[in-house]
Amino acid sequence: MEVIKRILIGTVLFPAYILLQSCNDAPKGDDAVIAEKQHAAKAAGEIFTAGTANSNIRFTGHGVGKNHSGNFKLSAGSVAVSGN
């Protein structure tokens, strides 16, 4: 019976304990700090407003060994065109 307890602790409980402990540490990226605030550029040129009734954005994300596509409806938007 003692051997079974040791096997149980060694193969199930100890790895589970290590797994749960590793989940307590936040990833290093969570400590990111913005050093310099940036502002959007001022629109210049002729401004066109998007027609949102029939507009949507389609995209494809590329990863290592996989791709995924998606889309979403455009709720608002405009674009400024300068110099044709």
N, C-alpha and C. Protein backbone atom coordinates (compact mmCIF):
# COMPACT_ATOMS: atom_id res chain seq x y z
N MET A 1 0.82 -1.20 0.00
CA MET A 1 0.00 0.00 0.00
C MET A 1 0.87 1.27 0.00
N GLU A 2 1.98 1.23 0.71
CA GLU A 2 2.90 2.38 0.77
C GLU A 2 3.50 2.65 -0.60
N VAL A 3 3.80 1.63 -1.36
CA VAL A 3 4.36 1.78 -2.70
C VAL A 3 3.36 2.45 -3.62
N ILE A 4 2.10 2.10 -3.50
CA ILE A 4 1.04 2.69 -4.32
C ILE A 4 0.90 4.18 -4.01
N LYS A 5 1.00 4.54 -2.73
CA LYS A 5 0.93 5.96 -2.35
C LYS A 5 2.08 6.74 -2.97
N ARG A 6 3.28 6.18 -2.92
CA ARG A 6 4.45 6.87 -3.49
C ARG A 6 4.33 7.02 -5.00
N ILE A 7 3.83 5.99 -5.66
CA ILE A 7 3.63 6.07 -7.10
C ILE A 7 2.58 7.12 -7.43
N LEU A 8 1.51 7.17 -6.66
CA LEU A 8 0.46 8.17 -6.88
C LEU A 8 1.01 9.57 -6.70
N ILE A 9 1.76 9.79 -5.65
CA ILE A 9 2.34 11.11 -5.40
C ILE A 9 3.32 11.48 -6.50
N GLY A 10 4.14 10.55 -6.92
CA GLY A 10 5.17 10.84 -7.92
C GLY A 10 4.64 11.04 -9.32
N THR A 11 3.58 10.36 -9.66
CA THR A 11 3.10 10.44 -11.05
C THR A 11 1.91 11.36 -11.25
N VAL A 12 1.14 11.64 -10.20
CA VAL A 12 -0.07 12.44 -10.37
C VAL A 12 -0.02 13.72 -9.56
N LEU A 13 0.15 13.62 -8.28
CA LEU A 13 0.03 14.78 -7.41
C LEU A 13 1.18 15.78 -7.58
N PHE A 14 2.41 15.31 -7.66
CA PHE A 14 3.54 16.23 -7.78
C PHE A 14 3.50 16.99 -9.10
N PRO A 15 3.30 16.33 -10.26
CA PRO A 15 3.18 17.09 -11.51
C PRO A 15 2.00 18.08 -11.50
N ALA A 16 0.89 17.70 -10.88
CA ALA A 16 -0.25 18.61 -10.80
C ALA A 16 0.10 19.82 -9.95
N TYR A 17 0.82 19.62 -8.86
CA TYR A 17 1.26 20.72 -8.00
C TYR A 17 2.17 21.68 -8.77
N ILE A 18 3.12 21.13 -9.51
CA ILE A 18 4.04 21.97 -10.30
C ILE A 18 3.27 22.76 -11.36
N LEU A 19 2.32 22.13 -12.01
CA LEU A 19 1.52 22.80 -13.03
C LEU A 19 0.72 23.96 -12.42
N LEU A 20 0.10 23.74 -11.29
CA LEU A 20 -0.68 24.79 -10.65
C LEU A 20 0.21 25.93 -10.16
N GLN A 21 1.38 25.63 -9.67
CA GLN A 21 2.29 26.68 -9.20
C GLN A 21 2.78 27.53 -10.36
N SER A 22 3.00 26.93 -11.52
CA SER A 22 3.51 27.69 -12.66
C SER A 22 2.46 28.67 -13.19
N CYS A 23 1.19 28.45 -12.90
CA CYS A 23 0.13 29.35 -13.37
C CYS A 23 0.05 30.63 -12.54
N ASN A 24 0.73 30.69 -11.42
CA ASN A 24 0.65 31.87 -10.56
C ASN A 24 1.54 33.01 -11.02
N ASP A 25 2.52 32.74 -11.86
CA ASP A 25 3.44 33.77 -12.31
C ASP A 25 2.91 34.45 -13.57
N ALA A 26 2.83 35.79 -13.54
CA ALA A 26 2.36 36.54 -14.71
C ALA A 26 3.44 36.53 -15.78
N PRO A 27 3.05 36.50 -17.06
CA PRO A 27 4.04 36.58 -18.14
C PRO A 27 4.80 37.90 -18.08
N LYS A 28 6.01 37.92 -18.59
CA LYS A 28 6.84 39.12 -18.56
C LYS A 28 6.21 40.28 -19.33
N GLY A 29 5.43 39.99 -20.36
CA GLY A 29 4.82 41.04 -21.17
C GLY A 29 3.80 41.87 -20.40
N ASP A 30 3.30 41.37 -19.27
CA ASP A 30 2.33 42.11 -18.49
C ASP A 30 2.93 43.32 -17.79
N ASP A 31 4.25 43.43 -17.76
CA ASP A 31 4.92 44.55 -17.11
C ASP A 31 5.29 45.65 -18.10
N ALA A 32 4.75 45.59 -19.32
CA ALA A 32 5.09 46.58 -20.35
C ALA A 32 4.63 47.97 -19.94
N VAL A 33 5.45 48.96 -20.25
CA VAL A 33 5.16 50.35 -19.91
C VAL A 33 5.31 51.18 -21.18
N ILE A 34 4.36 52.08 -21.42
CA ILE A 34 4.46 52.99 -22.56
C ILE A 34 5.36 54.14 -22.15
N ALA A 35 6.48 54.29 -22.87
CA ALA A 35 7.46 55.30 -22.50
C ALA A 35 7.11 56.67 -23.07
N GLU A 36 6.54 56.70 -24.25
CA GLU A 36 6.28 57.98 -24.91
C GLU A 36 4.90 57.94 -25.54
N LYS A 37 4.03 58.88 -25.17
CA LYS A 37 2.69 58.94 -25.72
C LYS A 37 2.75 59.47 -27.15
N GLN A 38 2.02 58.81 -28.05
CA GLN A 38 2.00 59.24 -29.44
C GLN A 38 0.60 59.73 -29.80
N HIS A 39 0.53 60.66 -30.73
CA HIS A 39 -0.75 61.22 -31.16
C HIS A 39 -0.97 60.89 -32.63
N ALA A 40 -2.23 60.74 -33.01
CA ALA A 40 -2.57 60.50 -34.41
C ALA A 40 -2.29 61.75 -35.23
N ALA A 41 -1.90 61.55 -36.47
CA ALA A 41 -1.63 62.67 -37.36
C ALA A 41 -2.94 63.36 -37.73
N LYS A 42 -2.87 64.63 -38.00
CA LYS A 42 -4.04 65.40 -38.44
C LYS A 42 -4.37 65.02 -39.88
N ALA A 43 -5.67 64.87 -40.15
CA ALA A 43 -6.12 64.54 -41.50
C ALA A 43 -5.89 65.73 -42.42
N ALA A 44 -5.34 65.46 -43.61
CA ALA A 44 -5.10 66.51 -44.59
C ALA A 44 -5.66 66.07 -45.93
N GLY A 45 -6.20 66.98 -46.68
CA GLY A 45 -6.74 66.66 -47.99
C GLY A 45 -8.24 66.51 -47.94
N GLU A 46 -8.77 65.87 -48.97
CA GLU A 46 -10.21 65.67 -49.06
C GLU A 46 -10.62 64.48 -48.21
N ILE A 47 -11.68 64.65 -47.40
CA ILE A 47 -12.10 63.60 -46.48
C ILE A 47 -13.32 62.88 -47.05
N PHE A 48 -13.25 61.57 -47.12
CA PHE A 48 -14.34 60.72 -47.57
C PHE A 48 -14.86 59.93 -46.38
N THR A 49 -16.19 59.88 -46.22
CA THR A 49 -16.82 59.12 -45.14
C THR A 49 -17.28 57.77 -45.68
N ALA A 50 -17.01 56.72 -44.92
CA ALA A 50 -17.37 55.36 -45.36
C ALA A 50 -18.87 55.15 -45.25
N GLY A 51 -19.44 54.50 -46.25
CA GLY A 51 -20.84 54.09 -46.21
C GLY A 51 -20.93 52.81 -45.40
N THR A 52 -21.44 52.88 -44.20
CA THR A 52 -21.40 51.74 -43.29
C THR A 52 -22.47 50.69 -43.55
N ALA A 53 -23.48 50.99 -44.35
CA ALA A 53 -24.56 50.02 -44.59
C ALA A 53 -24.05 48.76 -45.27
N ASN A 54 -23.14 48.90 -46.21
CA ASN A 54 -22.65 47.75 -46.97
C ASN A 54 -21.14 47.52 -46.82
N SER A 55 -20.52 48.13 -45.82
CA SER A 55 -19.06 48.02 -45.67
C SER A 55 -18.70 47.00 -44.60
N ASN A 56 -17.66 46.24 -44.90
CA ASN A 56 -17.10 45.35 -43.88
C ASN A 56 -15.61 45.20 -44.13
N ILE A 57 -14.92 44.74 -43.13
CA ILE A 57 -13.48 44.53 -43.20
C ILE A 57 -13.23 43.03 -43.20
N ARG A 58 -12.50 42.54 -44.19
CA ARG A 58 -12.11 41.13 -44.23
C ARG A 58 -10.61 41.07 -44.01
N PHE A 59 -10.16 40.05 -43.28
CA PHE A 59 -8.74 39.92 -43.00
C PHE A 59 -8.35 38.45 -42.94
N THR A 60 -7.06 38.20 -43.08
CA THR A 60 -6.50 36.87 -42.90
C THR A 60 -5.30 36.99 -41.99
N GLY A 61 -5.30 36.23 -40.90
CA GLY A 61 -4.16 36.19 -39.99
C GLY A 61 -3.28 35.01 -40.36
N HIS A 62 -1.99 35.24 -40.40
CA HIS A 62 -1.05 34.19 -40.78
C HIS A 62 -0.21 33.82 -39.57
N GLY A 63 -0.11 32.53 -39.31
CA GLY A 63 0.72 32.02 -38.23
C GLY A 63 1.59 30.89 -38.73
N VAL A 64 2.43 30.39 -37.86
CA VAL A 64 3.30 29.29 -38.24
C VAL A 64 2.45 28.03 -38.41
N GLY A 65 2.33 27.58 -39.63
CA GLY A 65 1.58 26.37 -39.92
C GLY A 65 0.07 26.51 -39.93
N LYS A 66 -0.45 27.71 -39.80
CA LYS A 66 -1.90 27.88 -39.80
C LYS A 66 -2.27 29.30 -40.23
N ASN A 67 -3.42 29.45 -40.79
CA ASN A 67 -3.99 30.74 -41.17
C ASN A 67 -5.43 30.77 -40.69
N HIS A 68 -5.93 31.95 -40.38
CA HIS A 68 -7.34 32.08 -40.04
C HIS A 68 -7.86 33.38 -40.63
N SER A 69 -9.09 33.33 -41.08
CA SER A 69 -9.68 34.52 -41.69
C SER A 69 -10.87 34.97 -40.84
N GLY A 70 -11.26 36.21 -41.05
CA GLY A 70 -12.40 36.75 -40.32
C GLY A 70 -12.90 38.01 -40.99
N ASN A 71 -13.98 38.55 -40.47
CA ASN A 71 -14.50 39.81 -40.98
C ASN A 71 -15.37 40.45 -39.90
N PHE A 72 -15.58 41.75 -40.04
CA PHE A 72 -16.49 42.46 -39.16
C PHE A 72 -17.09 43.63 -39.91
N LYS A 73 -18.29 44.03 -39.51
CA LYS A 73 -18.97 45.15 -40.16
C LYS A 73 -18.33 46.46 -39.72
N LEU A 74 -18.23 47.37 -40.64
CA LEU A 74 -17.66 48.68 -40.36
C LEU A 74 -18.76 49.55 -39.75
N SER A 75 -18.52 50.07 -38.56
CA SER A 75 -19.55 50.88 -37.88
C SER A 75 -19.37 52.37 -38.14
N ALA A 76 -18.18 52.81 -38.44
CA ALA A 76 -17.92 54.21 -38.74
C ALA A 76 -16.54 54.30 -39.37
N GLY A 77 -16.28 55.36 -40.11
CA GLY A 77 -14.95 55.52 -40.65
C GLY A 77 -14.88 56.60 -41.69
N SER A 78 -13.67 57.09 -41.87
CA SER A 78 -13.39 58.08 -42.90
C SER A 78 -11.93 57.97 -43.29
N VAL A 79 -11.61 58.50 -44.45
CA VAL A 79 -10.24 58.50 -44.93
C VAL A 79 -9.97 59.84 -45.57
N ALA A 80 -8.77 60.35 -45.35
CA ALA A 80 -8.36 61.62 -45.95
C ALA A 80 -7.37 61.34 -47.06
N VAL A 81 -7.62 61.94 -48.24
CA VAL A 81 -6.75 61.73 -49.39
C VAL A 81 -6.17 63.07 -49.79
N SER A 82 -4.85 63.12 -49.87
CA SER A 82 -4.17 64.36 -50.23
C SER A 82 -3.34 64.11 -51.48
N GLY A 83 -3.41 65.01 -52.44
CA GLY A 83 -2.58 64.91 -53.64
C GLY A 83 -3.02 63.78 -54.57
N ASN A 84 -4.31 63.56 -54.70
CA ASN A 84 -4.88 62.53 -55.56
C ASN A 84 -4.42 61.15 -55.15
